[in-house]
Amino acid sequence: MSSTVKYTLLILLILLLGSIPLAMQRDSAVLEGRITNNQGVAIAGAVVEARNTMTGAVFRATADALGNYTIEDLPQGRYSLWVTAAAHDSVWIREVIVDRGSTTRRDIRLAISESPAPTGEAQ
């Protein structure tokens, strides 16, 4: 192999290796957090709905047994959150900003609902 070909291959290899960190950057973001009640107890099964305020796209997640939720692959942008859980007051969060390639953490506290649970009896 001639020295010109060797140098050309070496330069291409260096350029290829230099582009790996760029290829590993994520174009999307992650929104995560923990949902608890007034006393700090985790709320399993709470639903978090993230709506992109510019496009209207909706992404959802359900909290696990520890109250943790994760919404992955969010496009960068501004989102409003709607959080609901049985026997708790719902919460609307007007604006959460997520940046490309980052993880945004938003913990949420829901108040225990004071309205009586339906009994199923007609009055």
N, C-alpha and C. Protein backbone atom coordinates (compact mmCIF):
# COMPACT_ATOMS: atom_id res chain seq x y z
N MET A 1 0.84 -1.18 0.00
CA MET A 1 0.00 0.00 0.00
C MET A 1 0.89 1.24 0.00
N SER A 2 0.54 2.20 -0.84
CA SER A 2 1.35 3.41 -0.90
C SER A 2 1.12 4.28 0.32
N SER A 3 2.07 5.15 0.59
CA SER A 3 1.97 6.02 1.77
C SER A 3 0.81 7.01 1.64
N THR A 4 0.45 7.41 0.43
CA THR A 4 -0.67 8.33 0.23
C THR A 4 -1.98 7.66 0.64
N VAL A 5 -2.16 6.41 0.27
CA VAL A 5 -3.36 5.67 0.63
C VAL A 5 -3.41 5.49 2.15
N LYS A 6 -2.27 5.17 2.77
CA LYS A 6 -2.21 4.99 4.22
C LYS A 6 -2.61 6.28 4.94
N TYR A 7 -2.08 7.40 4.50
CA TYR A 7 -2.41 8.68 5.13
C TYR A 7 -3.88 9.06 4.92
N THR A 8 -4.39 8.76 3.74
CA THR A 8 -5.80 9.03 3.46
C THR A 8 -6.70 8.20 4.37
N LEU A 9 -6.37 6.92 4.51
CA LEU A 9 -7.15 6.06 5.41
C LEU A 9 -7.04 6.51 6.86
N LEU A 10 -5.85 6.94 7.28
CA LEU A 10 -5.65 7.42 8.64
C LEU A 10 -6.47 8.68 8.90
N ILE A 11 -6.50 9.59 7.96
CA ILE A 11 -7.28 10.82 8.10
C ILE A 11 -8.77 10.50 8.16
N LEU A 12 -9.24 9.59 7.30
CA LEU A 12 -10.65 9.19 7.34
C LEU A 12 -11.01 8.53 8.67
N LEU A 13 -10.13 7.72 9.19
CA LEU A 13 -10.37 7.07 10.48
C LEU A 13 -10.46 8.11 11.60
N ILE A 14 -9.58 9.07 11.60
CA ILE A 14 -9.60 10.13 12.62
C ILE A 14 -10.88 10.94 12.52
N LEU A 15 -11.31 11.28 11.31
CA LEU A 15 -12.56 12.02 11.13
C LEU A 15 -13.76 11.20 11.61
N LEU A 16 -13.74 9.91 11.31
CA LEU A 16 -14.83 9.04 11.73
C LEU A 16 -14.89 8.94 13.24
N LEU A 17 -13.77 8.75 13.89
CA LEU A 17 -13.74 8.67 15.35
C LEU A 17 -14.14 9.99 15.99
N GLY A 18 -13.79 11.09 15.37
CA GLY A 18 -14.15 12.40 15.89
C GLY A 18 -15.63 12.70 15.80
N SER A 19 -16.34 12.02 14.89
CA SER A 19 -17.78 12.27 14.73
C SER A 19 -18.64 11.44 15.67
N ILE A 20 -18.08 10.46 16.36
CA ILE A 20 -18.86 9.60 17.26
C ILE A 20 -19.53 10.40 18.37
N PRO A 21 -18.85 11.31 19.07
CA PRO A 21 -19.56 12.07 20.11
C PRO A 21 -20.74 12.88 19.57
N LEU A 22 -20.64 13.39 18.37
CA LEU A 22 -21.76 14.13 17.79
C LEU A 22 -22.93 13.20 17.50
N ALA A 23 -22.65 12.00 17.06
CA ALA A 23 -23.71 11.05 16.75
C ALA A 23 -24.41 10.56 18.01
N MET A 24 -23.74 10.62 19.14
CA MET A 24 -24.31 10.13 20.38
C MET A 24 -25.20 11.17 21.08
N GLN A 25 -25.18 12.41 20.63
CA GLN A 25 -26.04 13.42 21.24
C GLN A 25 -27.49 13.11 20.93
N ARG A 26 -28.34 13.28 21.93
CA ARG A 26 -29.76 13.00 21.73
C ARG A 26 -30.46 14.25 21.20
N ASP A 27 -31.40 14.02 20.29
CA ASP A 27 -32.21 15.12 19.78
C ASP A 27 -33.43 15.35 20.64
N SER A 28 -33.71 14.44 21.55
CA SER A 28 -34.90 14.54 22.37
C SER A 28 -34.51 14.76 23.83
N ALA A 29 -35.54 14.95 24.64
CA ALA A 29 -35.34 15.22 26.06
C ALA A 29 -36.14 14.24 26.90
N VAL A 30 -35.89 14.28 28.20
CA VAL A 30 -36.60 13.43 29.15
C VAL A 30 -37.19 14.32 30.23
N LEU A 31 -38.43 14.03 30.61
CA LEU A 31 -39.08 14.71 31.73
C LEU A 31 -39.37 13.63 32.77
N GLU A 32 -38.90 13.86 34.00
CA GLU A 32 -39.11 12.88 35.04
C GLU A 32 -39.38 13.57 36.37
N GLY A 33 -39.90 12.81 37.32
CA GLY A 33 -40.15 13.36 38.63
C GLY A 33 -40.87 12.36 39.51
N ARG A 34 -41.32 12.87 40.66
CA ARG A 34 -42.02 12.02 41.63
C ARG A 34 -43.30 12.73 42.03
N ILE A 35 -44.38 11.95 42.14
CA ILE A 35 -45.68 12.49 42.51
C ILE A 35 -46.01 12.01 43.91
N THR A 36 -46.29 12.97 44.80
CA THR A 36 -46.61 12.66 46.18
C THR A 36 -47.86 13.42 46.61
N ASN A 37 -48.41 13.03 47.78
CA ASN A 37 -49.55 13.75 48.34
C ASN A 37 -49.07 14.78 49.36
N ASN A 38 -49.99 15.40 50.09
CA ASN A 38 -49.67 16.45 51.05
C ASN A 38 -48.67 15.99 52.11
N GLN A 39 -48.74 14.72 52.47
CA GLN A 39 -47.86 14.18 53.50
C GLN A 39 -46.54 13.62 52.94
N GLY A 40 -46.34 13.75 51.66
CA GLY A 40 -45.11 13.25 51.04
C GLY A 40 -45.15 11.78 50.68
N VAL A 41 -46.34 11.17 50.72
CA VAL A 41 -46.49 9.76 50.37
C VAL A 41 -46.64 9.64 48.85
N ALA A 42 -45.91 8.70 48.27
CA ALA A 42 -45.95 8.49 46.82
C ALA A 42 -47.35 8.10 46.35
N ILE A 43 -47.73 8.60 45.18
CA ILE A 43 -49.03 8.28 44.59
C ILE A 43 -48.80 7.39 43.37
N ALA A 44 -48.98 6.10 43.56
CA ALA A 44 -48.85 5.15 42.45
C ALA A 44 -50.05 5.30 41.52
N GLY A 45 -49.81 5.18 40.24
CA GLY A 45 -50.90 5.23 39.26
C GLY A 45 -51.32 6.62 38.83
N ALA A 46 -50.69 7.66 39.38
CA ALA A 46 -51.00 9.02 38.92
C ALA A 46 -50.62 9.14 37.46
N VAL A 47 -51.40 9.90 36.71
CA VAL A 47 -51.15 10.07 35.28
C VAL A 47 -50.64 11.48 35.01
N VAL A 48 -49.54 11.56 34.27
CA VAL A 48 -48.96 12.84 33.88
C VAL A 48 -49.12 12.97 32.37
N GLU A 49 -49.74 14.07 31.96
CA GLU A 49 -49.92 14.35 30.53
C GLU A 49 -49.14 15.62 30.20
N ALA A 50 -48.18 15.51 29.31
CA ALA A 50 -47.38 16.65 28.88
C ALA A 50 -47.83 17.06 27.48
N ARG A 51 -48.28 18.30 27.33
CA ARG A 51 -48.76 18.80 26.04
C ARG A 51 -47.81 19.89 25.55
N ASN A 52 -47.25 19.68 24.36
CA ASN A 52 -46.38 20.69 23.76
C ASN A 52 -47.24 21.89 23.42
N THR A 53 -46.90 23.06 23.96
CA THR A 53 -47.75 24.23 23.79
C THR A 53 -47.70 24.80 22.37
N MET A 54 -46.70 24.44 21.59
CA MET A 54 -46.62 24.94 20.22
C MET A 54 -47.28 24.00 19.22
N THR A 55 -47.08 22.70 19.39
CA THR A 55 -47.58 21.74 18.40
C THR A 55 -48.86 21.03 18.84
N GLY A 56 -49.13 21.02 20.15
CA GLY A 56 -50.29 20.31 20.66
C GLY A 56 -50.05 18.82 20.86
N ALA A 57 -48.84 18.34 20.55
CA ALA A 57 -48.54 16.91 20.73
C ALA A 57 -48.62 16.56 22.22
N VAL A 58 -49.20 15.39 22.51
CA VAL A 58 -49.41 14.96 23.88
C VAL A 58 -48.61 13.70 24.17
N PHE A 59 -47.95 13.69 25.32
CA PHE A 59 -47.16 12.55 25.78
C PHE A 59 -47.65 12.21 27.19
N ARG A 60 -47.76 10.92 27.49
CA ARG A 60 -48.30 10.50 28.80
C ARG A 60 -47.37 9.52 29.50
N ALA A 61 -47.48 9.52 30.84
CA ALA A 61 -46.78 8.54 31.66
C ALA A 61 -47.62 8.27 32.90
N THR A 62 -47.45 7.09 33.46
CA THR A 62 -48.12 6.71 34.69
C THR A 62 -47.07 6.47 35.76
N ALA A 63 -47.32 7.02 36.95
CA ALA A 63 -46.37 6.87 38.05
C ALA A 63 -46.32 5.42 38.52
N ASP A 64 -45.13 4.96 38.86
CA ASP A 64 -44.95 3.60 39.36
C ASP A 64 -45.29 3.53 40.85
N ALA A 65 -45.01 2.41 41.49
CA ALA A 65 -45.36 2.20 42.90
C ALA A 65 -44.68 3.19 43.83
N LEU A 66 -43.56 3.77 43.41
CA LEU A 66 -42.85 4.75 44.23
C LEU A 66 -43.22 6.19 43.87
N GLY A 67 -44.19 6.34 42.96
CA GLY A 67 -44.62 7.67 42.53
C GLY A 67 -43.76 8.28 41.45
N ASN A 68 -42.80 7.55 40.93
CA ASN A 68 -41.90 8.07 39.90
C ASN A 68 -42.51 7.95 38.51
N TYR A 69 -42.33 8.97 37.70
CA TYR A 69 -42.78 8.94 36.31
C TYR A 69 -41.64 9.38 35.41
N THR A 70 -41.66 8.90 34.18
CA THR A 70 -40.66 9.29 33.18
C THR A 70 -41.34 9.38 31.83
N ILE A 71 -41.12 10.50 31.15
CA ILE A 71 -41.58 10.65 29.77
C ILE A 71 -40.32 10.85 28.93
N GLU A 72 -40.05 9.89 28.06
CA GLU A 72 -38.85 9.95 27.24
C GLU A 72 -39.18 10.41 25.83
N ASP A 73 -38.15 10.75 25.08
CA ASP A 73 -38.26 11.12 23.66
C ASP A 73 -39.15 12.34 23.44
N LEU A 74 -39.10 13.30 24.35
CA LEU A 74 -39.83 14.55 24.15
C LEU A 74 -39.04 15.47 23.23
N PRO A 75 -39.67 16.03 22.21
CA PRO A 75 -38.98 17.05 21.43
C PRO A 75 -38.73 18.28 22.32
N GLN A 76 -37.67 18.96 22.07
CA GLN A 76 -37.35 20.18 22.82
C GLN A 76 -38.52 21.15 22.72
N GLY A 77 -38.84 21.83 23.82
CA GLY A 77 -39.90 22.82 23.76
C GLY A 77 -40.52 23.14 25.09
N ARG A 78 -41.66 23.82 25.02
CA ARG A 78 -42.43 24.20 26.20
C ARG A 78 -43.63 23.28 26.31
N TYR A 79 -43.87 22.81 27.53
CA TYR A 79 -44.96 21.88 27.78
C TYR A 79 -45.80 22.36 28.94
N SER A 80 -47.09 22.06 28.88
CA SER A 80 -47.95 22.23 30.05
C SER A 80 -48.25 20.82 30.55
N LEU A 81 -48.35 20.68 31.87
CA LEU A 81 -48.58 19.36 32.46
C LEU A 81 -49.95 19.33 33.12
N TRP A 82 -50.63 18.21 32.96
CA TRP A 82 -51.90 17.96 33.64
C TRP A 82 -51.69 16.65 34.40
N VAL A 83 -51.84 16.71 35.74
CA VAL A 83 -51.57 15.55 36.58
C VAL A 83 -52.84 15.17 37.31
N THR A 84 -53.23 13.89 37.20
CA THR A 84 -54.45 13.40 37.84
C THR A 84 -54.15 12.10 38.59
N ALA A 85 -54.92 11.90 39.68
CA ALA A 85 -54.83 10.66 40.44
C ALA A 85 -56.14 10.48 41.20
N ALA A 86 -56.56 9.24 41.35
CA ALA A 86 -57.79 8.94 42.08
C ALA A 86 -57.68 9.46 43.51
N ALA A 87 -58.78 10.04 44.00
CA ALA A 87 -58.90 10.56 45.37
C ALA A 87 -57.99 11.75 45.66
N HIS A 88 -57.48 12.40 44.60
CA HIS A 88 -56.62 13.57 44.75
C HIS A 88 -57.10 14.68 43.81
N ASP A 89 -56.83 15.91 44.19
CA ASP A 89 -57.13 17.04 43.31
C ASP A 89 -56.15 17.04 42.14
N SER A 90 -56.64 17.35 40.97
CA SER A 90 -55.78 17.43 39.79
C SER A 90 -54.97 18.71 39.84
N VAL A 91 -53.84 18.70 39.13
CA VAL A 91 -52.97 19.87 39.08
C VAL A 91 -52.63 20.17 37.63
N TRP A 92 -52.67 21.46 37.30
CA TRP A 92 -52.23 21.91 35.98
C TRP A 92 -50.99 22.77 36.19
N ILE A 93 -49.92 22.44 35.50
CA ILE A 93 -48.69 23.22 35.56
C ILE A 93 -48.55 23.91 34.21
N ARG A 94 -48.58 25.22 34.24
CA ARG A 94 -48.66 26.02 33.03
C ARG A 94 -47.48 25.83 32.08
N GLU A 95 -46.26 25.79 32.63
CA GLU A 95 -45.11 25.74 31.72
C GLU A 95 -43.93 25.00 32.33
N VAL A 96 -43.44 24.04 31.56
CA VAL A 96 -42.20 23.34 31.87
C VAL A 96 -41.40 23.35 30.57
N ILE A 97 -40.16 23.78 30.65
CA ILE A 97 -39.31 23.86 29.46
C ILE A 97 -38.33 22.70 29.49
N VAL A 98 -38.29 21.95 28.38
CA VAL A 98 -37.32 20.87 28.25
C VAL A 98 -36.36 21.21 27.11
N ASP A 99 -35.09 20.97 27.37
CA ASP A 99 -34.05 21.27 26.39
C ASP A 99 -33.54 19.98 25.75
N ARG A 100 -33.17 20.07 24.51
CA ARG A 100 -32.68 18.93 23.74
C ARG A 100 -31.50 18.28 24.46
N GLY A 101 -31.56 16.95 24.55
CA GLY A 101 -30.46 16.20 25.12
C GLY A 101 -30.36 16.25 26.63
N SER A 102 -31.37 16.80 27.30
CA SER A 102 -31.27 16.93 28.76
C SER A 102 -32.42 16.21 29.45
N THR A 103 -32.28 16.07 30.77
CA THR A 103 -33.33 15.51 31.60
C THR A 103 -33.83 16.62 32.51
N THR A 104 -35.13 16.91 32.44
CA THR A 104 -35.75 17.91 33.29
C THR A 104 -36.51 17.19 34.39
N ARG A 105 -36.28 17.60 35.63
CA ARG A 105 -36.97 16.97 36.76
C ARG A 105 -38.05 17.91 37.28
N ARG A 106 -39.26 17.36 37.44
CA ARG A 106 -40.38 18.14 37.97
C ARG A 106 -41.16 17.26 38.94
N ASP A 107 -40.92 17.45 40.24
CA ASP A 107 -41.68 16.74 41.26
C ASP A 107 -43.00 17.47 41.46
N ILE A 108 -44.05 16.68 41.75
CA ILE A 108 -45.40 17.24 41.82
C ILE A 108 -46.07 16.76 43.09
N ARG A 109 -46.75 17.67 43.77
CA ARG A 109 -47.48 17.33 44.99
C ARG A 109 -48.97 17.55 44.74
N LEU A 110 -49.77 16.52 44.98
CA LEU A 110 -51.21 16.60 44.81
C LEU A 110 -51.88 16.61 46.18
N ALA A 111 -52.89 17.45 46.32
CA ALA A 111 -53.66 17.49 47.56
C ALA A 111 -54.67 16.35 47.56
N ILE A 112 -54.90 15.80 48.73
CA ILE A 112 -55.92 14.76 48.87
C ILE A 112 -57.28 15.43 48.71
N SER A 113 -58.12 14.85 47.86
CA SER A 113 -59.42 15.43 47.57
C SER A 113 -60.30 15.40 48.82
N GLU A 114 -60.99 16.50 49.06
CA GLU A 114 -61.88 16.58 50.21
C GLU A 114 -63.32 16.28 49.85
N SER A 115 -63.60 16.11 48.57
CA SER A 115 -64.98 15.78 48.19
C SER A 115 -65.25 14.32 48.51
N PRO A 116 -66.44 14.02 48.99
CA PRO A 116 -66.74 12.62 49.35
C PRO A 116 -66.75 11.73 48.12
N ALA A 117 -66.35 10.50 48.33
CA ALA A 117 -66.36 9.52 47.24
C ALA A 117 -67.79 9.16 46.92
N PRO A 118 -68.13 8.95 45.64
CA PRO A 118 -69.49 8.57 45.27
C PRO A 118 -69.87 7.24 45.88
N THR A 119 -71.10 7.14 46.37
CA THR A 119 -71.56 5.90 47.00
C THR A 119 -72.32 5.01 46.04
N GLY A 120 -72.75 5.55 44.94
CA GLY A 120 -73.50 4.78 43.97
C GLY A 120 -75.00 4.80 44.21
N GLU A 121 -75.43 5.50 45.24
CA GLU A 121 -76.87 5.58 45.55
C GLU A 121 -77.45 6.86 44.94
N ALA A 122 -78.59 6.74 44.32
CA ALA A 122 -79.29 7.92 43.77
C ALA A 122 -80.01 8.63 44.90
N GLN A 123 -80.00 9.96 44.84
CA GLN A 123 -80.67 10.73 45.88
C GLN A 123 -81.86 11.44 45.36
